[in-house]
Amino acid sequence: MDFLVLTAFYVAVFGLCTLLYVYGDSPTLANGPVGKLRSILVEIVTLVIPQRFIDAAYDKLYNVLHTRNQVLQFIFAVIVLLGHAVWVKDMLPILYLSDPHANHTFMPMVVVFTNLFFFHKSCSSDPGEITQANQRFYSQVYKFDMRLYLPSRICSTCDLQKPARSKHCSICNRCVHRFDHHCVWTNSDVGGLNHRYFLLFLLTLLGMAMEGVAVGGWSLWLYTQNTRLLEARVLLDDGETVPVNISVVIQHLFLQYPRLVFLVVALVVLIPMIGTFAVYHTYLVLTNQTTNERYKTPAVEYLQDDQYISNQNDKISNEKLNRKHKKKYATSCINDRPYHRGFLRNIQEVFFLDNLKISKRK
């Protein structure tokens, strides 16, 4: 099959899987054409594959994504190792052949070890676990805004009064200070004490991917120049020769360096996704928000909280708390940034933990 067709197929499948994973629960995808297509595919799969195998695969996938395990940590390490194996096997010989006196290993090694360092810190450092011993301390870090966070809430699992901006992680089974989300790749929570490491991990991962594209693309260009590939001619069936075109060049490169070309294409596809996630978390840090605060629907919690409803009886009667009001309150609360202190102070709070004025007590 033509390499460009394979590439287009890979990009389409990868993009569709990413779209379904990120937005699979949205009403548009669940009920629209994509939802119908997904239902048809599910029916086809259930007809071809026995139900017991589907249930076993679902259980395995659920365990990987919704329980604490090191599967995705191992997969990430393997991906990084394989990518750098291609660097050693395919890129370095081309680079040293073209410029034998240059140092082609220093910067890639610095980038990968920096990324692995922040990955290790994101995996192993304390995100801000709240215990009986330090609950009082964490309760003094942030004030209750009386909208998203109320002092009356108790964690039913930990049996602790929940400090402002905290949340219980059902996967790790702990309450976390300034909870952002649980990351399956790091097998840990992203919270107030390690959000800086997670953001730096994303930024260095983005830098490593961009460097991979740059070095890999430069290696392919050097090979093209060294072999004078662009000056070659193609012999047609009728005996006529014509200059090569881009499609022929790309397919020749794929035949000569399939691992290198695939790596470059894969990184080009991954960079927008990694970059979007890195930019999003940069925005969270700059505005002093968390993923938990932005995407939960606080109106549901407010309507379930008897104290909140009783305090609002003089403004809106319970009979008028309809869908329109719920949407209004959810939108206003999500858009509010009650803990925003200015960009510089927000950065200082996350990276230098200046909101923790005294040492954390275990």
Protein backbone atom coordinates (compact mmCIF):
# COMPACT_ATOMS: atom_id res chain seq x y z
CA MET A 1 0.00 0.00 0.00
CA ASP A 2 1.17 3.52 -0.78
CA PHE A 3 3.01 5.10 2.16
CA LEU A 4 0.95 8.29 1.98
CA VAL A 5 -2.25 6.23 2.18
CA LEU A 6 -0.89 4.38 5.22
CA THR A 7 0.03 7.70 6.82
CA ALA A 8 -3.41 9.17 6.17
CA PHE A 9 -5.04 6.03 7.58
CA TYR A 10 -2.84 6.18 10.70
CA VAL A 11 -3.60 9.86 11.29
CA ALA A 12 -7.34 9.31 10.80
CA VAL A 13 -7.49 6.33 13.19
CA PHE A 14 -5.33 8.06 15.79
CA GLY A 15 -7.39 11.25 15.58
CA LEU A 16 -10.69 9.37 15.85
CA CYS A 17 -9.51 7.36 18.87
CA THR A 18 -8.29 10.54 20.56
CA LEU A 19 -11.57 12.32 19.82
CA LEU A 20 -13.65 9.46 21.22
CA TYR A 21 -11.45 9.17 24.31
CA VAL A 22 -11.53 12.88 25.14
CA TYR A 23 -15.08 13.75 24.05
CA GLY A 24 -16.72 10.34 23.95
CA ASP A 25 -19.26 11.23 26.64
CA SER A 26 -20.41 14.45 25.01
CA PRO A 27 -24.04 14.43 23.76
CA THR A 28 -22.94 15.40 20.24
CA LEU A 29 -20.71 12.36 19.84
CA ALA A 30 -22.95 10.03 21.83
CA ASN A 31 -26.14 10.81 19.88
CA GLY A 32 -24.94 12.24 16.56
CA PRO A 33 -23.49 10.49 13.50
CA VAL A 34 -20.35 9.51 15.42
CA GLY A 35 -22.50 7.96 18.14
CA LYS A 36 -24.48 5.94 15.57
CA LEU A 37 -21.27 4.81 13.90
CA ARG A 38 -19.88 3.75 17.26
CA SER A 39 -23.05 1.78 17.99
CA ILE A 40 -22.80 0.00 14.63
CA LEU A 41 -19.14 -0.84 15.25
CA VAL A 42 -19.99 -2.18 18.71
CA GLU A 43 -22.69 -4.42 17.22
CA ILE A 44 -20.27 -5.72 14.58
CA VAL A 45 -17.61 -6.41 17.21
CA THR A 46 -20.09 -8.27 19.43
CA LEU A 47 -21.11 -10.45 16.48
CA VAL A 48 -17.52 -11.32 15.54
CA ILE A 49 -15.90 -11.62 18.97
CA PRO A 50 -17.41 -13.75 21.76
CA GLN A 51 -18.86 -11.73 24.62
CA ARG A 52 -16.59 -13.32 27.22
CA PHE A 53 -13.50 -12.02 25.40
CA ILE A 54 -15.04 -8.55 25.13
CA ASP A 55 -15.83 -8.55 28.86
CA ALA A 56 -12.31 -9.71 29.70
CA ALA A 57 -10.77 -7.00 27.51
CA TYR A 58 -13.06 -4.36 29.04
CA ASP A 59 -12.10 -5.47 32.55
CA LYS A 60 -8.40 -5.26 31.69
CA LEU A 61 -8.82 -1.81 30.14
CA TYR A 62 -10.85 -0.64 33.12
CA ASN A 63 -8.17 -1.86 35.51
CA VAL A 64 -5.48 -0.04 33.54
CA LEU A 65 -7.35 3.27 33.39
CA HIS A 66 -9.27 3.25 36.68
CA THR A 67 -7.01 1.55 39.21
CA ARG A 68 -3.52 2.32 40.44
CA ASN A 69 -1.02 0.37 38.35
CA GLN A 70 2.25 0.93 36.52
CA VAL A 71 1.19 -0.29 33.08
CA LEU A 72 1.13 3.11 31.38
CA GLN A 73 4.31 4.19 33.18
CA PHE A 74 6.00 1.15 31.67
CA ILE A 75 4.50 1.89 28.23
CA PHE A 76 5.76 5.48 28.39
CA ALA A 77 9.27 4.28 29.26
CA VAL A 78 9.19 1.77 26.38
CA ILE A 79 8.04 4.47 23.92
CA VAL A 80 10.86 6.80 24.98
CA LEU A 81 13.38 3.94 24.78
CA LEU A 82 12.23 2.88 21.31
CA GLY A 83 12.29 6.46 20.04
CA HIS A 84 15.87 6.90 21.17
CA ALA A 85 16.79 3.50 19.74
CA VAL A 86 15.75 4.88 16.35
CA TRP A 87 17.86 7.95 17.11
CA VAL A 88 20.93 5.78 17.76
CA LYS A 89 20.30 3.30 14.93
CA ASP A 90 19.18 5.62 12.12
CA MET A 91 19.78 9.29 12.91
CA LEU A 92 23.27 9.37 14.41
CA PRO A 93 24.98 7.51 11.51
CA ILE A 94 23.55 10.04 9.04
CA LEU A 95 24.45 13.02 11.25
CA TYR A 96 28.03 11.90 11.91
CA LEU A 97 28.51 11.01 8.25
CA SER A 98 27.57 14.58 7.27
CA ASP A 99 29.31 16.35 10.15
CA PRO A 100 31.69 13.99 12.01
CA HIS A 101 33.20 16.69 14.24
CA ALA A 102 29.97 18.02 15.75
CA ASN A 103 28.47 16.79 19.02
CA HIS A 104 25.12 15.29 18.06
CA THR A 105 24.37 13.61 21.41
CA PHE A 106 24.62 16.31 24.09
CA MET A 107 21.33 18.20 23.63
CA PRO A 108 19.13 15.11 23.02
CA MET A 109 20.50 13.50 26.18
CA VAL A 110 19.94 16.67 28.20
CA VAL A 111 16.34 16.90 26.96
CA VAL A 112 15.45 13.26 27.60
CA PHE A 113 16.99 13.11 31.08
CA THR A 114 15.32 16.39 32.03
CA ASN A 115 11.98 15.01 30.89
CA LEU A 116 12.51 11.72 32.73
CA PHE A 117 13.47 13.62 35.88
CA PHE A 118 10.19 15.57 35.90
CA PHE A 119 8.30 12.41 34.98
CA HIS A 120 9.83 10.70 38.01
CA LYS A 121 8.94 13.65 40.24
CA SER A 122 5.37 13.66 38.91
CA CYS A 123 5.06 9.94 39.65
CA SER A 124 6.72 9.77 43.05
CA SER A 125 6.26 13.13 44.79
CA ASP A 126 3.46 13.84 47.23
CA PRO A 127 0.61 15.69 45.48
CA GLY A 128 -0.61 17.03 48.81
CA GLU A 129 -2.30 14.10 50.53
CA ILE A 130 -4.58 15.24 53.34
CA THR A 131 -4.53 13.18 56.52
CA GLN A 132 -5.82 13.53 60.06
CA ALA A 133 -2.45 14.95 61.06
CA ASN A 134 -2.27 17.75 58.49
CA GLN A 135 -5.96 18.45 57.82
CA ARG A 136 -5.97 21.52 60.07
CA PHE A 137 -2.93 22.92 58.29
CA TYR A 138 -4.38 22.48 54.81
CA SER A 139 -7.66 24.02 55.95
CA GLN A 140 -5.75 27.27 56.57
CA VAL A 141 -4.15 27.45 53.10
CA TYR A 142 -7.24 28.61 51.17
CA LYS A 143 -10.41 30.28 52.31
CA PHE A 144 -13.78 28.78 51.45
CA ASP A 145 -15.33 30.75 48.63
CA MET A 146 -18.84 29.69 49.76
CA ARG A 147 -19.69 28.73 46.20
CA LEU A 148 -17.45 25.96 44.93
CA TYR A 149 -16.24 25.08 48.42
CA LEU A 150 -18.27 25.10 51.61
CA PRO A 151 -16.99 24.43 55.14
CA SER A 152 -19.79 21.95 55.84
CA ARG A 153 -18.58 19.25 53.49
CA ILE A 154 -17.12 16.05 54.90
CA CYS A 155 -15.29 13.38 52.90
CA SER A 156 -17.35 10.24 53.49
CA THR A 157 -14.34 7.99 52.78
CA CYS A 158 -11.60 9.75 54.75
CA ASP A 159 -14.01 11.09 57.38
CA LEU A 160 -12.33 14.50 57.18
CA GLN A 161 -13.66 18.00 56.78
CA LYS A 162 -12.64 18.83 53.23
CA PRO A 163 -10.32 21.87 52.97
CA ALA A 164 -11.05 24.39 50.23
CA ARG A 165 -9.86 23.26 46.77
CA SER A 166 -9.41 19.66 47.90
CA LYS A 167 -11.04 16.56 46.43
CA HIS A 168 -11.10 12.87 47.17
CA CYS A 169 -9.51 10.72 44.45
CA SER A 170 -11.42 7.44 44.19
CA ILE A 171 -8.51 5.76 42.36
CA CYS A 172 -5.81 6.64 44.91
CA ASN A 173 -8.33 6.60 47.79
CA ARG A 174 -7.14 9.84 49.36
CA CYS A 175 -8.07 13.49 49.62
CA VAL A 176 -5.64 15.78 47.81
CA HIS A 177 -4.84 19.44 48.41
CA ARG A 178 -5.64 21.68 45.41
CA PHE A 179 -6.67 18.60 43.42
CA ASP A 180 -6.40 18.92 39.64
CA HIS A 181 -6.87 15.40 38.24
CA HIS A 182 -5.64 11.84 38.44
CA CYS A 183 -3.10 11.10 35.70
CA VAL A 184 -3.00 7.50 34.49
CA TRP A 185 0.41 8.04 32.85
CA THR A 186 2.08 9.04 36.12
CA ASN A 187 -0.07 6.67 38.21
CA SER A 188 -0.63 9.48 40.67
CA ASP A 189 -2.71 12.56 41.39
CA VAL A 190 -1.80 16.03 40.21
CA GLY A 191 -2.25 18.30 43.20
CA GLY A 192 -0.97 21.40 44.92
CA LEU A 193 2.50 20.04 45.69
CA ASN A 194 3.36 18.44 42.35
CA HIS A 195 1.43 20.47 39.74
CA ARG A 196 4.70 22.26 38.94
CA TYR A 197 6.45 18.97 38.21
CA PHE A 198 3.57 17.82 36.02
CA LEU A 199 3.58 21.05 33.99
CA LEU A 200 7.36 20.87 33.53
CA PHE A 201 7.00 17.22 32.50
CA LEU A 202 4.51 18.26 29.80
CA LEU A 203 6.68 21.13 28.57
CA THR A 204 9.84 19.00 28.40
CA LEU A 205 7.87 16.20 26.73
CA LEU A 206 6.72 18.71 24.12
CA GLY A 207 10.32 19.88 23.69
CA MET A 208 11.53 16.29 23.31
CA ALA A 209 8.91 15.57 20.65
CA MET A 210 9.73 18.76 18.74
CA GLU A 211 13.43 17.97 18.90
CA GLY A 212 12.70 14.47 17.59
CA VAL A 213 10.89 15.93 14.59
CA ALA A 214 13.66 18.48 13.98
CA VAL A 215 16.55 16.01 14.25
CA GLY A 216 14.70 13.26 12.39
CA GLY A 217 13.64 15.61 9.60
CA TRP A 218 17.16 17.04 9.35
CA SER A 219 18.61 13.52 9.12
CA LEU A 220 16.26 12.61 6.28
CA TRP A 221 17.13 15.86 4.50
CA LEU A 222 20.88 15.14 4.86
CA TYR A 223 20.38 11.65 3.44
CA THR A 224 18.44 13.15 0.54
CA GLN A 225 21.27 15.58 -0.16
CA ASN A 226 24.05 13.04 0.27
CA THR A 227 22.43 10.60 -2.17
CA ARG A 228 21.33 13.40 -4.54
CA LEU A 229 17.90 11.86 -4.39
CA LEU A 230 16.14 14.99 -5.67
CA GLU A 231 18.23 14.81 -8.85
CA ALA A 232 17.25 11.21 -9.59
CA ARG A 233 14.91 10.15 -12.36
CA VAL A 234 12.23 7.46 -12.40
CA LEU A 235 12.04 4.86 -15.19
CA LEU A 236 8.46 4.46 -16.43
CA ASP A 237 6.97 1.33 -18.02
CA ASP A 238 7.34 2.76 -21.51
CA GLY A 239 11.07 3.32 -21.00
CA GLU A 240 10.82 7.08 -20.48
CA THR A 241 12.53 8.67 -17.48
CA VAL A 242 11.01 11.53 -15.53
CA PRO A 243 12.26 13.53 -12.50
CA VAL A 244 11.20 12.22 -9.11
CA ASN A 245 8.33 13.90 -7.30
CA ILE A 246 7.69 14.34 -3.61
CA SER A 247 5.61 11.17 -3.37
CA VAL A 248 8.43 9.08 -4.83
CA VAL A 249 11.00 10.71 -2.54
CA ILE A 250 8.90 10.04 0.56
CA GLN A 251 8.28 6.42 -0.39
CA HIS A 252 11.99 5.92 -1.06
CA LEU A 253 12.84 7.36 2.33
CA PHE A 254 10.25 5.09 3.94
CA LEU A 255 11.78 2.04 2.25
CA GLN A 256 15.28 3.02 3.36
CA TYR A 257 14.43 4.24 6.88
CA PRO A 258 10.94 2.97 7.80
CA ARG A 259 11.50 3.39 11.54
CA LEU A 260 12.77 6.94 11.20
CA VAL A 261 9.99 8.09 8.86
CA PHE A 262 7.31 6.50 11.05
CA LEU A 263 8.78 8.13 14.15
CA VAL A 264 8.77 11.58 12.55
CA VAL A 265 5.18 11.18 11.32
CA ALA A 266 4.01 9.87 14.72
CA LEU A 267 5.64 12.79 16.55
CA VAL A 268 4.10 15.31 14.13
CA VAL A 269 0.68 13.84 14.98
CA LEU A 270 1.38 13.80 18.73
CA ILE A 271 2.81 17.31 19.05
CA PRO A 272 -0.54 19.17 18.69
CA MET A 273 -2.12 16.98 21.38
CA ILE A 274 0.81 17.31 23.80
CA GLY A 275 1.07 21.04 23.03
CA THR A 276 -2.64 21.61 23.66
CA PHE A 277 -2.45 19.82 27.00
CA ALA A 278 0.70 21.75 27.98
CA VAL A 279 -0.87 25.09 27.01
CA TYR A 280 -4.03 24.19 28.93
CA HIS A 281 -2.11 23.46 32.14
CA THR A 282 -0.04 26.59 31.66
CA TYR A 283 -3.31 28.52 31.49
CA LEU A 284 -4.49 26.81 34.70
CA VAL A 285 -1.32 27.85 36.51
CA LEU A 286 -1.48 31.44 35.23
CA THR A 287 -5.11 31.83 36.32
CA ASN A 288 -4.85 29.78 39.53
CA GLN A 289 -7.45 27.21 38.54
CA THR A 290 -7.63 23.43 38.47
CA THR A 291 -9.18 21.00 36.04
CA ASN A 292 -11.52 19.85 38.79
CA GLU A 293 -12.76 23.42 39.32
CA ARG A 294 -13.24 24.18 35.64
CA TYR A 295 -15.09 21.10 34.51
CA LYS A 296 -17.22 19.92 37.37
CA THR A 297 -20.80 21.21 37.48
CA PRO A 298 -21.07 23.04 40.77
CA ALA A 299 -24.76 23.82 40.36
CA VAL A 300 -25.59 20.16 40.95
CA GLU A 301 -23.66 20.20 44.21
CA TYR A 302 -25.32 23.44 45.28
CA LEU A 303 -28.79 22.14 44.62
CA GLN A 304 -28.00 19.03 46.68
CA ASP A 305 -26.65 21.09 49.57
CA ASP A 306 -29.52 21.94 51.94
CA GLN A 307 -27.56 24.74 53.55
CA TYR A 308 -26.86 26.42 50.23
CA ILE A 309 -30.49 26.14 49.11
CA SER A 310 -31.79 27.56 52.38
CA ASN A 311 -29.41 30.53 52.03
CA GLN A 312 -30.73 31.19 48.55
CA ASN A 313 -34.44 31.04 49.37
CA ASP A 314 -34.65 34.81 49.61
CA LYS A 315 -33.27 35.14 46.06
CA ILE A 316 -34.76 32.24 44.13
CA SER A 317 -37.51 29.92 45.27
CA ASN A 318 -36.91 26.20 45.02
CA GLU A 319 -39.64 25.94 42.38
CA LYS A 320 -37.63 28.20 40.05
CA LEU A 321 -34.42 26.18 40.21
CA ASN A 322 -35.03 24.80 36.76
CA ARG A 323 -32.64 23.86 34.01
CA LYS A 324 -32.15 27.46 32.93
CA HIS A 325 -31.04 28.54 36.39
CA LYS A 326 -28.79 25.50 36.75
CA LYS A 327 -27.04 26.37 33.52
CA LYS A 328 -26.74 30.00 34.58
CA TYR A 329 -25.17 29.13 37.93
CA ALA A 330 -22.86 26.50 36.43
CA THR A 331 -21.61 28.94 33.80
CA SER A 332 -21.07 31.77 36.25
CA CYS A 333 -19.24 29.56 38.72
CA ILE A 334 -17.01 27.92 36.12
CA ASN A 335 -16.07 31.30 34.68
CA ASP A 336 -15.30 32.77 38.10
CA ARG A 337 -11.72 32.63 39.33
CA PRO A 338 -12.00 33.23 43.08
CA TYR A 339 -8.35 32.28 43.76
CA HIS A 340 -6.79 34.34 40.97
CA ARG A 341 -4.08 36.59 42.48
CA GLY A 342 -2.39 37.90 39.35
CA PHE A 343 -0.19 36.02 36.93
CA LEU A 344 3.10 36.46 38.78
CA ARG A 345 1.69 35.54 42.18
CA ASN A 346 -0.13 32.55 40.67
CA ILE A 347 3.14 31.29 39.19
CA GLN A 348 4.91 31.90 42.48
CA GLU A 349 2.19 30.00 44.34
CA VAL A 350 2.51 26.90 42.16
CA PHE A 351 6.26 26.80 41.56
CA PHE A 352 7.51 28.12 44.91
CA LEU A 353 4.54 27.07 47.07
CA ASP A 354 4.40 30.47 48.72
CA ASN A 355 0.87 29.67 49.93
CA LEU A 356 2.42 27.09 52.29
CA LYS A 357 3.90 29.50 54.79
CA ILE A 358 4.82 26.84 57.29
CA SER A 359 6.27 23.40 56.68
CA LYS A 360 3.77 20.66 55.90
CA ARG A 361 3.09 18.50 58.91
CA LYS A 362 2.77 14.82 58.34
